[in-house]
């Protein structure tokens, strides 16, 4: 095999994956825009609407480890094309709903499974297959695609819902999902060996991991069973649970409704959340670069600690208009939003080795979405019971501070070299 080219096709794989994840992030961001329009259109309570979002977030995570195994078994391209078609079906069906349970079935179940079949395990799979060097940076770039999706879609979807009604969101997402299918079919190659190449940065004697020979479901279950015997696995599971709770579940779902409670317009609030995405792109790419150079445990300590402090400040800086302190929060929180992903993915490689890293990350990511699902529904219950989101923000902030201590216990007693692949 050839290992060197002036331009390695690995970067084409990154580009295609990036745009696919941008689109997926746009699909995932839509529920936060739907809360107020559905409340106004049907008179539903926020906890009824948030239940569908919670199911979506939960299935988005629980599907991930099986999707990672399916990608190993049936190819990445086939799984992603099937997932995009599933999302499109669910989005179009959402336009026909008339009851909360129908929202749970369409947006919660169908779209949740579809987006979960791509998710960040898609990014981890591409990074692990195509790169040896620059893997942390690539994971950072692909993780940042989620932020870029919010940047592109959130204000536009919010504007669409105000101008043309909430059904326009389902039509837009359904159409966009179908548009992505031929792009995946035409441009996404499965692995470097298909082109007679080694992964980017691989030495001449590099050998690919040997296939397990197990079915996709069995590989996922066996990997979970074996990883469960490792204390470090549970530290990663717990930390990513809090990560999901404090980002996609809480801020991603309820920032717009919380800002609306303080008199802020929905489009303005959506634009602020999109601005979080702008700074998340910067923060996550920088985090990927740092992960290639520094101890990932220490990076996680700072990320969770700073996030916790910022959540304690949020209830006091939401106003009817954009205030300088609100912008400071947006910038600060944006830089930290998913900066946790590159070091977490890197640490997943140390549990059962590089060949199972993506499946292990799938399970760790499942805990991320379980936390997100609890926050998506729980924060709505807090809002209905107490009239605001303050208690939800404070509890999430406290959990982040606790997590910042426990991530330092991962691989305790081992030196940094033993944690690097």
Protein backbone atom coordinates (compact mmCIF):
# COMPACT_ATOMS: atom_id res chain seq x y z
CA UNK A 1 0.00 0.00 0.00
CA UNK A 2 0.99 3.57 -0.52
CA UNK A 3 1.14 5.66 2.61
CA UNK A 4 1.92 9.11 1.26
CA UNK A 5 0.31 11.51 -1.16
CA UNK A 6 0.51 15.24 -1.53
CA UNK A 7 -3.20 15.37 -0.69
CA UNK A 8 -4.45 12.41 1.32
CA UNK A 9 -8.06 11.30 0.62
CA UNK A 10 -8.57 11.12 4.38
CA UNK A 11 -9.35 14.83 4.24
CA UNK A 12 -12.13 14.18 1.70
CA UNK A 13 -13.65 11.71 4.17
CA UNK A 14 -13.43 14.40 6.85
CA UNK A 15 -15.13 16.95 4.59
CA UNK A 16 -18.06 14.66 3.70
CA UNK A 17 -18.46 13.61 7.33
CA UNK A 18 -18.35 17.22 8.48
CA UNK A 19 -21.20 18.31 6.22
CA UNK A 20 -23.26 15.24 7.13
CA UNK A 21 -22.85 16.01 10.83
CA UNK A 22 -23.70 19.66 10.18
CA UNK A 23 -27.01 18.51 8.70
CA UNK A 24 -27.58 16.03 11.53
CA UNK A 25 -26.96 18.77 14.10
CA UNK A 26 -29.54 20.91 12.35
CA UNK A 27 -32.06 18.09 12.67
CA UNK A 28 -31.17 17.69 16.35
CA UNK A 29 -31.46 21.43 17.04
CA UNK A 30 -35.05 21.68 15.77
CA UNK A 31 -36.85 20.53 18.97
CA UNK A 32 -35.69 23.59 20.92
CA UNK A 33 -37.31 25.74 18.22
CA UNK A 34 -40.54 23.70 18.29
CA UNK A 35 -41.33 24.08 22.02
CA UNK A 36 -42.98 27.53 21.89
CA UNK A 37 -44.74 27.09 18.47
CA UNK A 38 -46.28 23.76 19.53
CA UNK A 39 -47.33 25.24 22.85
CA UNK A 40 -49.05 28.10 21.02
CA UNK A 41 -50.58 25.88 18.29
CA UNK A 42 -52.03 23.11 20.48
CA UNK A 43 -51.97 24.46 24.02
CA UNK A 44 -49.74 21.60 25.17
CA UNK A 45 -47.71 21.91 28.38
CA UNK A 46 -43.94 22.17 28.10
CA UNK A 47 -43.43 18.87 29.88
CA UNK A 48 -45.66 17.14 27.27
CA UNK A 49 -43.57 18.57 24.42
CA UNK A 50 -40.31 17.95 26.26
CA UNK A 51 -41.20 14.27 26.71
CA UNK A 52 -40.86 13.80 22.94
CA UNK A 53 -37.55 15.67 23.00
CA UNK A 54 -36.40 13.52 25.92
CA UNK A 55 -37.24 10.30 24.02
CA UNK A 56 -35.41 11.70 20.98
CA UNK A 57 -32.30 12.49 23.02
CA UNK A 58 -32.42 9.09 24.77
CA UNK A 59 -32.75 7.04 21.57
CA UNK A 60 -30.13 9.24 19.91
CA UNK A 61 -27.72 7.93 22.52
CA UNK A 62 -28.91 4.33 22.96
CA UNK A 63 -28.75 3.74 19.21
CA UNK A 64 -25.13 4.91 19.04
CA UNK A 65 -23.26 1.78 20.25
CA UNK A 66 -25.29 -0.46 17.94
CA UNK A 67 -24.81 1.97 15.06
CA UNK A 68 -21.05 1.87 15.63
CA UNK A 69 -21.12 -1.92 15.47
CA UNK A 70 -23.38 -1.86 12.38
CA UNK A 71 -20.90 0.45 10.66
CA UNK A 72 -18.19 -2.12 11.28
CA UNK A 73 -20.41 -4.89 9.95
CA UNK A 74 -22.35 -3.36 7.05
CA UNK A 75 -20.20 -0.32 6.07
CA UNK A 76 -20.45 3.26 7.19
CA UNK A 77 -22.01 4.40 3.93
CA UNK A 78 -25.00 2.03 4.08
CA UNK A 79 -25.75 2.83 7.72
CA UNK A 80 -25.58 6.60 7.22
CA UNK A 81 -27.75 6.53 4.09
CA UNK A 82 -30.36 4.41 5.92
CA UNK A 83 -30.21 6.80 8.89
CA UNK A 84 -30.77 9.89 6.72
CA UNK A 85 -33.77 8.22 5.06
CA UNK A 86 -35.20 7.38 8.49
CA UNK A 87 -34.81 10.98 9.65
CA UNK A 88 -36.55 12.22 6.52
CA UNK A 89 -39.48 9.86 7.09
CA UNK A 90 -39.89 10.95 10.71
CA UNK A 91 -39.64 14.65 9.86
CA UNK A 92 -42.30 14.47 7.15
CA UNK A 93 -44.62 12.46 9.44
CA UNK A 94 -44.24 15.11 12.14
CA UNK A 95 -46.18 17.56 9.96
CA UNK A 96 -49.30 15.36 10.40
CA UNK A 97 -49.37 15.18 14.21
CA UNK A 98 -52.37 16.25 16.31
CA UNK A 99 -51.56 14.79 19.75
CA UNK A 100 -48.50 14.70 22.06
CA UNK A 101 -48.07 10.90 21.68
CA UNK A 102 -47.73 11.37 17.92
CA UNK A 103 -44.90 13.83 18.50
CA UNK A 104 -43.23 11.20 20.70
CA UNK A 105 -43.64 8.57 17.97
CA UNK A 106 -42.35 10.71 15.08
CA UNK A 107 -39.81 13.13 16.51
CA UNK A 108 -39.02 11.10 19.59
CA UNK A 109 -38.70 7.56 18.19
CA UNK A 110 -38.19 7.75 14.41
CA UNK A 111 -36.00 10.86 14.22
CA UNK A 112 -34.21 9.84 17.45
CA UNK A 113 -33.18 6.47 16.01
CA UNK A 114 -32.22 8.04 12.67
CA UNK A 115 -29.99 10.76 14.10
CA UNK A 116 -28.56 8.34 16.68
CA UNK A 117 -27.42 6.05 13.88
CA UNK A 118 -25.07 8.82 12.79
CA UNK A 119 -24.30 10.88 15.87
CA UNK A 120 -20.71 11.32 17.00
CA UNK A 121 -19.88 7.62 16.60
CA UNK A 122 -19.82 8.45 12.88
CA UNK A 123 -17.11 11.01 13.57
CA UNK A 124 -15.17 8.60 15.79
CA UNK A 125 -15.38 5.82 13.17
CA UNK A 126 -14.03 8.05 10.40
CA UNK A 127 -11.25 9.42 12.60
CA UNK A 128 -10.17 5.95 13.77
CA UNK A 129 -10.22 4.43 10.27
CA UNK A 130 -8.60 7.24 8.29
CA UNK A 131 -6.11 8.78 10.72
CA UNK A 132 -3.20 7.74 12.90
CA UNK A 133 -1.69 11.19 13.29
CA UNK A 134 -3.91 14.24 13.86
CA UNK A 135 -6.70 12.01 15.19
CA UNK A 136 -7.49 14.33 18.11
CA UNK A 137 -7.65 17.34 15.80
CA UNK A 138 -9.95 15.51 13.37
CA UNK A 139 -12.30 14.45 16.16
CA UNK A 140 -12.36 18.07 17.30
CA UNK A 141 -13.22 19.31 13.81
CA UNK A 142 -15.96 16.72 13.33
CA UNK A 143 -17.39 17.36 16.77
CA UNK A 144 -17.47 21.05 15.92
CA UNK A 145 -19.75 20.16 13.00
CA UNK A 146 -22.55 19.79 15.55
CA UNK A 147 -22.05 23.41 16.51
CA UNK A 148 -21.93 24.49 12.88
CA UNK A 149 -25.29 22.78 12.36
CA UNK A 150 -26.83 24.88 15.08
CA UNK A 151 -25.21 27.97 13.58
CA UNK A 152 -26.77 27.30 10.17
CA UNK A 153 -30.15 25.89 11.12
CA UNK A 154 -31.39 27.39 14.41
CA UNK A 155 -32.11 31.01 13.43
CA UNK A 156 -33.44 29.92 10.05
CA UNK A 157 -35.75 27.27 11.52
CA UNK A 158 -37.00 29.75 14.11
CA UNK A 159 -37.72 32.29 11.37
CA UNK A 160 -39.48 29.62 9.29
CA UNK A 161 -41.74 28.66 12.18
CA UNK A 162 -42.77 32.28 12.68
CA UNK A 163 -43.31 33.03 9.00
CA UNK A 164 -44.80 29.78 7.70
CA UNK A 165 -45.83 27.82 10.80
CA UNK A 166 -44.24 24.99 12.72
CA UNK A 167 -44.90 22.40 9.98
CA UNK A 168 -42.35 24.11 7.75
CA UNK A 169 -39.63 22.82 10.09
CA UNK A 170 -40.56 19.18 9.39
CA UNK A 171 -40.71 19.79 5.64
CA UNK A 172 -37.32 21.52 5.62
CA UNK A 173 -35.59 18.81 7.64
CA UNK A 174 -37.21 16.00 5.67
CA UNK A 175 -36.04 17.51 2.40
CA UNK A 176 -32.53 18.23 3.67
CA UNK A 177 -32.15 14.63 4.89
CA UNK A 178 -33.00 13.21 1.48
CA UNK A 179 -30.60 15.66 -0.19
CA UNK A 180 -27.72 14.25 1.87
CA UNK A 181 -28.23 10.62 0.78
CA UNK A 182 -26.70 10.89 -2.75
CA UNK A 183 -23.77 12.91 -1.37
CA UNK A 184 -22.90 10.04 0.97
CA UNK A 185 -23.31 7.48 -1.81
CA UNK A 186 -21.07 9.34 -4.26
CA UNK A 187 -18.31 10.78 -2.10
CA UNK A 188 -17.83 8.80 1.13
CA UNK A 189 -15.24 6.03 0.78
CA UNK A 190 -15.25 3.30 3.38
CA UNK A 191 -11.58 3.06 4.36
CA UNK A 192 -8.07 3.89 3.04
CA UNK A 193 -7.45 0.29 1.96
CA UNK A 194 -10.19 0.68 -0.69
CA UNK A 195 -7.87 3.17 -2.39
CA UNK A 196 -4.71 1.15 -1.78
CA UNK A 197 -3.57 3.58 0.91
CA UNK A 198 -2.61 3.59 4.56
CA UNK A 199 -4.36 5.92 7.03
CA UNK A 200 -3.00 9.43 7.28
CA UNK A 201 0.23 9.41 9.27
CA UNK A 202 0.45 5.60 9.50
CA UNK A 203 3.91 3.98 9.43
CA UNK A 204 4.74 1.60 6.60
CA UNK A 205 4.32 -1.47 8.83
CA UNK A 206 0.86 -0.40 10.08
CA UNK A 207 -1.77 -3.14 10.18
CA UNK A 208 -5.54 -2.59 10.49
CA UNK A 209 -7.35 -4.03 13.55
CA UNK A 210 -8.62 -7.54 12.91
CA UNK A 211 -12.41 -7.87 12.65
CA UNK A 212 -14.06 -9.48 15.66
CA UNK A 213 -16.20 -11.89 13.62
CA UNK A 214 -19.20 -11.14 15.87
CA UNK A 215 -22.56 -9.75 14.81
CA UNK A 216 -23.14 -6.03 15.32
CA UNK A 217 -25.46 -6.51 18.29
CA UNK A 218 -23.22 -9.11 19.93
CA UNK A 219 -20.13 -6.93 19.48
CA UNK A 220 -21.90 -4.03 21.19
CA UNK A 221 -23.12 -6.17 24.11
CA UNK A 222 -19.84 -8.05 24.58
CA UNK A 223 -17.89 -4.79 24.51
CA UNK A 224 -20.18 -3.34 27.19
CA UNK A 225 -19.79 -6.44 29.36
CA UNK A 226 -16.01 -6.43 29.09
CA UNK A 227 -15.69 -2.66 29.57
CA UNK A 228 -17.91 -2.82 32.67
CA UNK A 229 -15.09 -4.59 34.50
CA UNK A 230 -12.92 -1.46 34.16
CA UNK A 231 -13.35 1.33 36.69
CA UNK A 232 -12.14 3.90 34.16
CA UNK A 233 -15.06 3.01 31.89
CA UNK A 234 -17.52 4.02 34.60
CA UNK A 235 -15.69 7.29 35.20
CA UNK A 236 -16.09 8.06 31.49
CA UNK A 237 -19.74 7.00 31.55
CA UNK A 238 -20.47 9.20 34.58
CA UNK A 239 -18.63 12.23 33.24
CA UNK A 240 -20.31 12.06 29.84
CA UNK A 241 -23.70 11.61 31.53
CA UNK A 242 -23.16 15.00 33.15
CA UNK A 243 -21.87 16.41 29.87
CA UNK A 244 -25.12 15.51 28.09
CA UNK A 245 -27.23 16.70 30.99
CA UNK A 246 -25.58 20.12 31.01
CA UNK A 247 -25.46 20.71 27.23
CA UNK A 248 -27.92 19.15 24.77
CA UNK A 249 -30.45 18.19 27.44
CA UNK A 250 -30.54 21.45 29.38
CA UNK A 251 -29.13 24.36 27.39
CA UNK A 252 -29.73 22.88 23.93
CA UNK A 253 -33.40 22.16 24.71
CA UNK A 254 -34.36 24.85 27.20
CA UNK A 255 -32.21 27.92 26.56
CA UNK A 256 -34.70 29.35 24.05
CA UNK A 257 -37.76 28.74 26.29
CA UNK A 258 -35.86 30.09 29.33
CA UNK A 259 -34.91 33.25 27.44
CA UNK A 260 -38.51 33.54 26.21
CA UNK A 261 -39.67 33.44 29.87
CA UNK A 262 -37.58 36.57 30.44
CA UNK A 263 -39.23 38.38 27.53
CA UNK A 264 -36.64 37.67 24.83
CA UNK A 265 -37.91 37.02 21.30
CA UNK A 266 -37.58 33.46 19.99
CA UNK A 267 -35.50 34.38 16.94
CA UNK A 268 -33.11 36.43 19.11
CA UNK A 269 -32.77 33.57 21.60
CA UNK A 270 -32.21 31.09 18.75
CA UNK A 271 -29.53 33.36 17.34
CA UNK A 272 -27.78 33.44 20.73
CA UNK A 273 -27.85 29.65 20.89
CA UNK A 274 -26.45 29.57 17.37
CA UNK A 275 -23.71 31.95 18.53
CA UNK A 276 -22.85 29.36 21.16
CA UNK A 277 -22.28 27.12 18.15
CA UNK A 278 -19.87 29.61 16.56
CA UNK A 279 -17.62 29.60 19.59
CA UNK A 280 -18.07 25.88 20.01
CA UNK A 281 -16.44 25.36 16.62
CA UNK A 282 -13.42 27.29 17.84
CA UNK A 283 -13.34 25.64 21.25
CA UNK A 284 -13.76 22.08 20.03
CA UNK A 285 -11.14 22.30 17.29
CA UNK A 286 -8.73 23.85 19.79
CA UNK A 287 -9.62 21.06 22.25
CA UNK A 288 -8.76 18.47 19.59
CA UNK A 289 -5.37 20.13 19.10
CA UNK A 290 -4.79 20.19 22.87
CA UNK A 291 -5.78 16.52 23.16
CA UNK A 292 -2.94 15.56 20.81
CA UNK A 293 -0.49 17.34 23.12
CA UNK A 294 -1.69 17.24 26.73
CA UNK A 295 -3.16 14.89 29.33
CA UNK A 296 -6.85 14.45 28.40
CA UNK A 297 -7.81 14.00 32.06
CA UNK A 298 -6.57 17.47 32.97
CA UNK A 299 -8.36 18.98 30.00
CA UNK A 300 -11.62 17.42 31.17
CA UNK A 301 -11.03 18.79 34.69
CA UNK A 302 -10.92 22.35 33.38
CA UNK A 303 -13.80 21.89 30.92
CA UNK A 304 -16.26 20.57 33.51
CA UNK A 305 -15.16 22.97 36.22
CA UNK A 306 -15.55 26.07 34.06
CA UNK A 307 -18.89 24.84 32.68
CA UNK A 308 -20.23 24.35 36.20
CA UNK A 309 -19.31 27.88 37.23
CA UNK A 310 -20.97 29.36 34.15
CA UNK A 311 -24.25 27.52 34.83
CA UNK A 312 -24.45 29.04 38.30
CA UNK A 313 -24.37 32.49 36.67
CA UNK A 314 -26.97 31.86 33.94
CA UNK A 315 -30.22 32.56 35.89
CA UNK A 316 -29.01 36.06 36.75
CA UNK A 317 -27.97 37.10 33.21
CA UNK A 318 -31.09 36.37 31.13
CA UNK A 319 -32.95 39.54 30.14
CA UNK A 320 -35.59 40.65 27.63
CA UNK A 321 -32.85 41.95 25.36
CA UNK A 322 -29.26 40.96 24.66
CA UNK A 323 -27.14 42.09 27.62
CA UNK A 324 -23.31 42.17 27.67
CA UNK A 325 -23.25 39.60 30.46
CA UNK A 326 -25.42 37.28 28.36
CA UNK A 327 -22.93 37.57 25.51
CA UNK A 328 -20.08 36.74 27.89
CA UNK A 329 -21.94 33.56 28.91
CA UNK A 330 -22.61 32.65 25.26
CA UNK A 331 -18.92 33.02 24.36
CA UNK A 332 -17.67 31.24 27.47
CA UNK A 333 -20.17 28.38 27.32
CA UNK A 334 -19.74 28.04 23.59
CA UNK A 335 -15.99 27.50 23.87
CA UNK A 336 -16.69 24.72 26.39
CA UNK A 337 -19.84 23.17 24.83
CA UNK A 338 -18.47 19.90 23.40
CA UNK A 339 -14.77 20.46 24.00
CA UNK A 340 -15.08 17.36 26.22
CA UNK A 341 -15.46 15.06 23.20
CA UNK A 342 -11.87 14.81 21.85
CA UNK A 343 -10.28 13.90 25.22
CA UNK A 344 -13.16 11.51 26.00
CA UNK A 345 -12.78 9.72 22.66
CA UNK A 346 -9.03 9.46 23.24
CA UNK A 347 -9.56 7.92 26.68
CA UNK A 348 -12.08 5.43 25.25
CA UNK A 349 -9.19 3.90 23.28
CA UNK A 350 -7.54 2.85 26.56
CA UNK A 351 -10.43 0.70 27.84
CA UNK A 352 -10.37 -2.31 25.45
CA UNK A 353 -7.84 -1.07 22.91
CA UNK A 354 -8.09 0.91 19.64
CA UNK A 355 -10.04 -1.78 17.75
CA UNK A 356 -13.02 -1.43 20.13
CA UNK A 357 -12.66 2.29 20.74
CA UNK A 358 -15.60 3.34 18.59
CA UNK A 359 -18.01 0.84 20.15
CA UNK A 360 -16.85 1.84 23.65
CA UNK A 361 -17.37 5.46 22.76
CA UNK A 362 -20.84 4.50 21.54
CA UNK A 363 -21.73 3.27 25.03
CA UNK A 364 -20.13 6.28 26.70
CA UNK A 365 -22.05 8.50 24.30
CA UNK A 366 -25.24 6.61 25.25
CA UNK A 367 -24.73 7.79 28.84
CA UNK A 368 -24.32 11.34 27.46
CA UNK A 369 -27.76 11.10 25.90
CA UNK A 370 -29.35 9.49 28.95
CA UNK A 371 -28.19 12.52 30.90
CA UNK A 372 -29.52 14.75 28.14
CA UNK A 373 -32.89 12.98 28.15
CA UNK A 374 -33.24 13.38 31.92
CA UNK A 375 -32.42 17.09 31.68
CA UNK A 376 -34.70 17.67 28.68
CA UNK A 377 -37.71 16.31 30.56
CA UNK A 378 -36.63 17.13 34.12
CA UNK A 379 -35.96 20.80 33.43
CA UNK A 380 -39.44 21.11 31.89
CA UNK A 381 -40.95 19.58 35.05
CA UNK A 382 -38.95 22.05 37.16
CA UNK A 383 -40.26 24.91 34.98
CA UNK A 384 -43.89 23.76 35.35
CA UNK A 385 -43.55 23.25 39.11
CA UNK A 386 -41.52 26.33 40.10
CA UNK A 387 -42.24 28.75 37.24
CA UNK A 388 -38.60 29.08 36.07
CA UNK A 389 -35.49 27.07 35.22
CA UNK A 390 -33.17 28.37 37.96
CA UNK A 391 -33.12 25.16 40.04
CA UNK A 392 -32.31 23.09 36.94
CA UNK A 393 -29.36 25.35 36.11
CA UNK A 394 -28.00 25.21 39.68
CA UNK A 395 -28.23 21.41 39.96
CA UNK A 396 -26.52 20.97 36.59
CA UNK A 397 -23.74 23.37 37.60
CA UNK A 398 -23.12 21.47 40.85
CA UNK A 399 -22.89 18.15 39.00
CA UNK A 400 -20.32 19.63 36.61
CA UNK A 401 -18.13 20.73 39.52
CA UNK A 402 -18.32 17.27 41.10
CA UNK A 403 -17.44 15.68 37.75
CA UNK A 404 -14.37 17.89 37.39
CA UNK A 405 -12.89 16.05 40.37
CA UNK A 406 -13.76 12.53 39.27
CA UNK A 407 -12.29 12.81 35.76
CA UNK A 408 -8.88 13.18 37.37
CA UNK A 409 -9.31 9.66 38.77
CA UNK A 410 -9.31 8.11 35.27
CA UNK A 411 -6.18 6.03 34.87
CA UNK A 412 -4.95 7.21 38.25
CA UNK A 413 -1.38 6.13 38.83
CA UNK A 414 -0.66 5.77 35.12
CA UNK A 415 1.51 8.20 33.22
CA UNK A 416 0.30 10.11 30.18
CA UNK A 417 2.14 7.86 27.72
CA UNK A 418 0.07 4.86 28.86
CA UNK A 419 -3.15 6.76 28.14
CA UNK A 420 -2.15 7.70 24.62
CA UNK A 421 -2.86 5.23 21.79
